[in-house]
Amino acid sequence: MVQSATPDAIPETIEIGKGMTMTFLSSPTQVLFHATPGCERLIVPPHWHPKHGEYHRVVKGRVSITRGGVTQIATPEDGELYTPAGVVHSLEGFEGEELIIEERTDPVDPDKETLFRNMFSNGKAEANPLKMMQLFYQHGDSYPALPGGIHALEKALVFVLGGCIAPALGYQPKYKYSKSA
């Protein structure tokens, strides 16, 4: 059964891996990633969004952030870092180091929280590629970055795997999105 992701029905903070949590803040598009000392390493694979940009701000620790092929080590002193819509980006924490990152979207993405809740519904990142592509398809604003960087091919992959094959095999997200793909 698909549930609605309403604040009254689900927790404010969820586990996203060993020693890592995500807290949903007051804004529907603002989250806080927290990796404790000795935790798994935070890895957000290369991806992009056609409709929104993202701001990342390191509150504590440091993170390697790659935007448009340029990598930098970000710390609290760097303030907010902006990644425009359409730009491939990724994040990587450092093994065993505490890390707190705040993320928000511009413009507001009302389904970002639902995407994250579905992505980590089992307490860690979704490992099944068909389920992941289905979440991207239903969210409608997240795409994996493939070698070669051909956005049309990446969109086609999400459509075929997430929009056609995954539903045909009976996959469905735990939480429903406010809009449809």
C-alpha atoms as a PDB file:
ATOM      1  CA  MET A   1       0.000   0.000   0.000  1.00  0.00           C
ATOM      2  CA  VAL A   2       1.306   3.453  -0.924  1.00  0.00           C
ATOM      3  CA  GLN A   3       1.158   5.956   1.954  1.00  0.00           C
ATOM      4  CA  SER A   4       1.008   9.732   1.863  1.00  0.00           C
ATOM      5  CA  ALA A   5       4.131  11.411   3.180  1.00  0.00           C
ATOM      6  CA  THR A   6       2.456  13.760   5.653  1.00  0.00           C
ATOM      7  CA  PRO A   7       4.280  15.251   8.637  1.00  0.00           C
ATOM      8  CA  ASP A   8       1.786  13.741  11.103  1.00  0.00           C
ATOM      9  CA  ALA A   9       2.176  10.205   9.797  1.00  0.00           C
ATOM     10  CA  ILE A  10       5.949   9.839   9.486  1.00  0.00           C
ATOM     11  CA  PRO A  11       9.041  10.744  11.519  1.00  0.00           C
ATOM     12  CA  GLU A  12      10.929  14.009  11.051  1.00  0.00           C
ATOM     13  CA  THR A  13      14.288  12.151  11.061  1.00  0.00           C
ATOM     14  CA  ILE A  14      15.033   8.945   9.154  1.00  0.00           C
ATOM     15  CA  GLU A  15      18.034   6.624   9.048  1.00  0.00           C
ATOM     16  CA  ILE A  16      19.826   6.624   5.690  1.00  0.00           C
ATOM     17  CA  GLY A  17      22.732   4.322   6.538  1.00  0.00           C
ATOM     18  CA  LYS A  18      24.896   3.136   9.418  1.00  0.00           C
ATOM     19  CA  GLY A  19      25.430   6.227  11.579  1.00  0.00           C
ATOM     20  CA  MET A  20      23.691   8.545   9.089  1.00  0.00           C
ATOM     21  CA  THR A  21      20.364  10.345   9.341  1.00  0.00           C
ATOM     22  CA  MET A  22      18.332  12.811   7.336  1.00  0.00           C
ATOM     23  CA  THR A  23      16.115  15.355   9.086  1.00  0.00           C
ATOM     24  CA  PHE A  24      13.355  17.172   7.225  1.00  0.00           C
ATOM     25  CA  LEU A  25      13.301  20.823   8.243  1.00  0.00           C
ATOM     26  CA  SER A  26      10.439  23.330   8.174  1.00  0.00           C
ATOM     27  CA  SER A  27      10.676  24.004   4.451  1.00  0.00           C
ATOM     28  CA  PRO A  28       9.347  21.194   2.236  1.00  0.00           C
ATOM     29  CA  THR A  29      12.628  21.205   0.329  1.00  0.00           C
ATOM     30  CA  GLN A  30      15.130  21.640   3.148  1.00  0.00           C
ATOM     31  CA  VAL A  31      16.907  18.640   4.664  1.00  0.00           C
ATOM     32  CA  LEU A  32      19.821  18.077   7.003  1.00  0.00           C
ATOM     33  CA  PHE A  33      22.188  15.135   6.394  1.00  0.00           C
ATOM     34  CA  HIS A  34      24.082  14.032   9.506  1.00  0.00           C
ATOM     35  CA  ALA A  35      26.885  11.479   9.416  1.00  0.00           C
ATOM     36  CA  THR A  36      28.317  10.632  12.841  1.00  0.00           C
ATOM     37  CA  PRO A  37      32.009   9.887  13.536  1.00  0.00           C
ATOM     38  CA  GLY A  38      32.864   6.338  12.489  1.00  0.00           C
ATOM     39  CA  CYS A  39      29.809   6.060  10.224  1.00  0.00           C
ATOM     40  CA  GLU A  40      29.573   4.803   6.684  1.00  0.00           C
ATOM     41  CA  ARG A  41      30.798   7.313   4.133  1.00  0.00           C
ATOM     42  CA  LEU A  42      28.084   9.529   2.644  1.00  0.00           C
ATOM     43  CA  ILE A  43      28.015   9.016  -1.125  1.00  0.00           C
ATOM     44  CA  VAL A  44      25.514  10.773  -3.388  1.00  0.00           C
ATOM     45  CA  PRO A  45      26.216   9.498  -6.931  1.00  0.00           C
ATOM     46  CA  PRO A  46      26.334  11.846  -9.930  1.00  0.00           C
ATOM     47  CA  HIS A  47      22.861  13.061 -10.893  1.00  0.00           C
ATOM     48  CA  TRP A  48      21.061  16.168 -12.167  1.00  0.00           C
ATOM     49  CA  HIS A  49      17.717  17.961 -11.962  1.00  0.00           C
ATOM     50  CA  PRO A  50      16.104  19.690 -14.973  1.00  0.00           C
ATOM     51  CA  LYS A  51      13.650  21.850 -12.995  1.00  0.00           C
ATOM     52  CA  HIS A  52      15.444  22.946  -9.829  1.00  0.00           C
ATOM     53  CA  GLY A  53      18.851  23.997  -8.612  1.00  0.00           C
ATOM     54  CA  GLU A  54      20.232  23.008  -5.223  1.00  0.00           C
ATOM     55  CA  TYR A  55      21.977  24.837  -2.425  1.00  0.00           C
ATOM     56  CA  HIS A  56      24.316  22.890  -0.140  1.00  0.00           C
ATOM     57  CA  ARG A  57      25.806  24.290   3.037  1.00  0.00           C
ATOM     58  CA  VAL A  58      28.267  22.363   5.187  1.00  0.00           C
ATOM     59  CA  VAL A  59      27.310  22.986   8.817  1.00  0.00           C
ATOM     60  CA  LYS A  60      30.041  20.753  10.293  1.00  0.00           C
ATOM     61  CA  GLY A  61      32.901  18.777   8.779  1.00  0.00           C
ATOM     62  CA  ARG A  62      33.852  18.677   5.130  1.00  0.00           C
ATOM     63  CA  VAL A  63      32.509  17.129   1.948  1.00  0.00           C
ATOM     64  CA  SER A  64      33.839  16.621  -1.543  1.00  0.00           C
ATOM     65  CA  ILE A  65      31.312  18.150  -3.930  1.00  0.00           C
ATOM     66  CA  THR A  66      31.588  17.862  -7.697  1.00  0.00           C
ATOM     67  CA  ARG A  67      29.544  20.237  -9.841  1.00  0.00           C
ATOM     68  CA  GLY A  68      29.827  20.242 -13.608  1.00  0.00           C
ATOM     69  CA  GLY A  69      33.043  18.213 -13.452  1.00  0.00           C
ATOM     70  CA  VAL A  70      34.768  20.548 -10.960  1.00  0.00           C
ATOM     71  CA  THR A  71      35.489  19.085  -7.521  1.00  0.00           C
ATOM     72  CA  GLN A  72      36.063  21.052  -4.347  1.00  0.00           C
ATOM     73  CA  ILE A  73      36.325  20.210  -0.668  1.00  0.00           C
ATOM     74  CA  ALA A  74      33.598  22.255   1.021  1.00  0.00           C
ATOM     75  CA  THR A  75      33.654  23.294   4.691  1.00  0.00           C
ATOM     76  CA  PRO A  76      31.431  25.569   6.805  1.00  0.00           C
ATOM     77  CA  GLU A  77      33.590  28.540   5.785  1.00  0.00           C
ATOM     78  CA  ASP A  78      32.408  28.173   2.150  1.00  0.00           C
ATOM     79  CA  GLY A  79      28.805  29.135   2.932  1.00  0.00           C
ATOM     80  CA  GLU A  80      26.082  28.052   0.512  1.00  0.00           C
ATOM     81  CA  LEU A  81      27.186  26.371  -2.701  1.00  0.00           C
ATOM     82  CA  TYR A  82      24.737  26.539  -5.615  1.00  0.00           C
ATOM     83  CA  THR A  83      24.307  23.947  -8.359  1.00  0.00           C
ATOM     84  CA  PRO A  84      22.061  25.199 -11.193  1.00  0.00           C
ATOM     85  CA  ALA A  85      19.364  23.031 -12.790  1.00  0.00           C
ATOM     86  CA  GLY A  86      20.781  20.695 -15.430  1.00  0.00           C
ATOM     87  CA  VAL A  87      24.283  20.526 -13.907  1.00  0.00           C
ATOM     88  CA  VAL A  88      25.566  17.084 -12.908  1.00  0.00           C
ATOM     89  CA  HIS A  89      26.614  16.991  -9.262  1.00  0.00           C
ATOM     90  CA  SER A  90      27.658  14.521  -6.571  1.00  0.00           C
ATOM     91  CA  LEU A  91      28.687  14.540  -2.908  1.00  0.00           C
ATOM     92  CA  GLU A  92      31.116  12.372  -0.947  1.00  0.00           C
ATOM     93  CA  GLY A  93      31.872  12.486   2.744  1.00  0.00           C
ATOM     94  CA  PHE A  94      35.155  11.377   4.284  1.00  0.00           C
ATOM     95  CA  GLU A  95      35.454   7.985   5.964  1.00  0.00           C
ATOM     96  CA  GLY A  96      34.808   8.162   9.705  1.00  0.00           C
ATOM     97  CA  GLU A  97      34.362  11.955   9.844  1.00  0.00           C
ATOM     98  CA  GLU A  98      31.311  13.681  11.267  1.00  0.00           C
ATOM     99  CA  LEU A  99      29.451  15.657   8.620  1.00  0.00           C
ATOM    100  CA  ILE A 100      26.350  17.842   8.696  1.00  0.00           C
ATOM    101  CA  ILE A 101      25.057  19.247   5.401  1.00  0.00           C
ATOM    102  CA  GLU A 102      21.962  21.349   4.781  1.00  0.00           C
ATOM    103  CA  GLU A 103      20.322  21.072   1.364  1.00  0.00           C
ATOM    104  CA  ARG A 104      17.485  23.052  -0.206  1.00  0.00           C
ATOM    105  CA  THR A 105      16.058  23.445  -3.686  1.00  0.00           C
ATOM    106  CA  ASP A 106      15.302  26.501  -5.805  1.00  0.00           C
ATOM    107  CA  PRO A 107      12.559  26.719  -6.817  1.00  0.00           C
ATOM    108  CA  VAL A 108      10.782  24.742  -4.131  1.00  0.00           C
ATOM    109  CA  ASP A 109      10.374  21.054  -5.025  1.00  0.00           C
ATOM    110  CA  PRO A 110       7.332  19.822  -3.081  1.00  0.00           C
ATOM    111  CA  ASP A 111       8.141  16.161  -3.797  1.00  0.00           C
ATOM    112  CA  LYS A 112      11.820  16.166  -2.770  1.00  0.00           C
ATOM    113  CA  GLU A 113      10.977  14.934   0.738  1.00  0.00           C
ATOM    114  CA  THR A 114       8.847  12.134  -0.701  1.00  0.00           C
ATOM    115  CA  LEU A 115      11.704  11.119  -3.032  1.00  0.00           C
ATOM    116  CA  PHE A 116      14.122  10.934  -0.085  1.00  0.00           C
ATOM    117  CA  ARG A 117      11.635   9.040   2.104  1.00  0.00           C
ATOM    118  CA  ASN A 118      11.112   6.469  -0.655  1.00  0.00           C
ATOM    119  CA  MET A 119      14.835   6.283  -1.454  1.00  0.00           C
ATOM    120  CA  PHE A 120      15.693   5.451   2.180  1.00  0.00           C
ATOM    121  CA  SER A 121      12.489   3.651   3.226  1.00  0.00           C
ATOM    122  CA  ASN A 122      14.459   0.587   4.358  1.00  0.00           C
ATOM    123  CA  GLY A 123      16.979   2.587   6.446  1.00  0.00           C
ATOM    124  CA  LYS A 124      19.648   2.785   3.737  1.00  0.00           C
ATOM    125  CA  ALA A 125      19.941   3.858   0.103  1.00  0.00           C
ATOM    126  CA  GLU A 126      17.785   1.874  -2.305  1.00  0.00           C
ATOM    127  CA  ALA A 127      20.064  -0.682  -3.999  1.00  0.00           C
ATOM    128  CA  ASN A 128      17.622  -2.062  -6.598  1.00  0.00           C
ATOM    129  CA  PRO A 129      18.224  -0.108  -9.850  1.00  0.00           C
ATOM    130  CA  LEU A 130      14.666  -0.705 -11.094  1.00  0.00           C
ATOM    131  CA  LYS A 131      13.178   0.694  -7.889  1.00  0.00           C
ATOM    132  CA  MET A 132      15.578   3.645  -8.014  1.00  0.00           C
ATOM    133  CA  MET A 133      14.672   4.451 -11.619  1.00  0.00           C
ATOM    134  CA  GLN A 134      10.986   4.209 -10.683  1.00  0.00           C
ATOM    135  CA  LEU A 135      11.519   6.738  -7.884  1.00  0.00           C
ATOM    136  CA  PHE A 136      13.307   9.072 -10.314  1.00  0.00           C
ATOM    137  CA  TYR A 137      10.508   8.610 -12.859  1.00  0.00           C
ATOM    138  CA  GLN A 138       7.743   9.320 -10.369  1.00  0.00           C
ATOM    139  CA  HIS A 139       9.601  12.276  -8.843  1.00  0.00           C
ATOM    140  CA  GLY A 140      10.038  13.708 -12.339  1.00  0.00           C
ATOM    141  CA  ASP A 141      13.043  15.898 -11.510  1.00  0.00           C
ATOM    142  CA  SER A 142      15.978  13.590 -10.792  1.00  0.00           C
ATOM    143  CA  TYR A 143      18.114  11.722 -13.307  1.00  0.00           C
ATOM    144  CA  PRO A 144      21.273   9.636 -12.985  1.00  0.00           C
ATOM    145  CA  ALA A 145      24.327  10.935 -14.814  1.00  0.00           C
ATOM    146  CA  LEU A 146      25.693   8.386 -17.266  1.00  0.00           C
ATOM    147  CA  PRO A 147      29.095   8.456 -18.967  1.00  0.00           C
ATOM    148  CA  GLY A 148      28.877  10.738 -21.983  1.00  0.00           C
ATOM    149  CA  GLY A 149      26.436  13.136 -20.330  1.00  0.00           C
ATOM    150  CA  ILE A 150      23.622  12.776 -22.864  1.00  0.00           C
ATOM    151  CA  HIS A 151      20.608  14.014 -20.904  1.00  0.00           C
ATOM    152  CA  ALA A 152      18.111  12.652 -23.464  1.00  0.00           C
ATOM    153  CA  LEU A 153      19.573   9.148 -23.015  1.00  0.00           C
ATOM    154  CA  GLU A 154      19.424   9.499 -19.205  1.00  0.00           C
ATOM    155  CA  LYS A 155      15.768  10.577 -19.411  1.00  0.00           C
ATOM    156  CA  ALA A 156      14.999   7.650 -21.743  1.00  0.00           C
ATOM    157  CA  LEU A 157      16.633   5.209 -19.305  1.00  0.00           C
ATOM    158  CA  VAL A 158      14.507   6.509 -16.435  1.00  0.00           C
ATOM    159  CA  PHE A 159      11.354   6.322 -18.583  1.00  0.00           C
ATOM    160  CA  VAL A 160      11.967   2.753 -19.787  1.00  0.00           C
ATOM    161  CA  LEU A 161      13.207   1.264 -16.508  1.00  0.00           C
ATOM    162  CA  GLY A 162      11.216   3.398 -14.068  1.00  0.00           C
ATOM    163  CA  GLY A 163       8.091   4.193 -16.033  1.00  0.00           C
ATOM    164  CA  CYS A 164       7.585   0.919 -17.915  1.00  0.00           C
ATOM    165  CA  ILE A 165       9.532  -2.074 -16.572  1.00  0.00           C
ATOM    166  CA  ALA A 166       9.419  -1.420 -12.799  1.00  0.00           C
ATOM    167  CA  PRO A 167       5.614  -0.938 -12.670  1.00  0.00           C
ATOM    168  CA  ALA A 168       5.099  -3.971 -14.936  1.00  0.00           C
ATOM    169  CA  LEU A 169       7.014  -6.024 -12.357  1.00  0.00           C
ATOM    170  CA  GLY A 170       4.780  -4.705  -9.573  1.00  0.00           C
ATOM    171  CA  TYR A 171       7.167  -2.240  -7.954  1.00  0.00           C
ATOM    172  CA  GLN A 172       5.583   0.711  -6.216  1.00  0.00           C
ATOM    173  CA  PRO A 173       6.952   3.337  -3.844  1.00  0.00           C
ATOM    174  CA  LYS A 174       6.119   3.287  -0.148  1.00  0.00           C
ATOM    175  CA  TYR A 175       4.997   6.946  -0.204  1.00  0.00           C
ATOM    176  CA  LYS A 176       3.011   8.601  -2.974  1.00  0.00           C
ATOM    177  CA  TYR A 177       4.047  11.782  -4.712  1.00  0.00           C
ATOM    178  CA  SER A 178       1.827  14.870  -4.776  1.00  0.00           C
ATOM    179  CA  LYS A 179       2.144  15.085  -8.553  1.00  0.00           C
ATOM    180  CA  SER A 180       2.410  12.376 -11.176  1.00  0.00           C
ATOM    181  CA  ALA A 181       5.235  11.955 -13.678  1.00  0.00           C
END
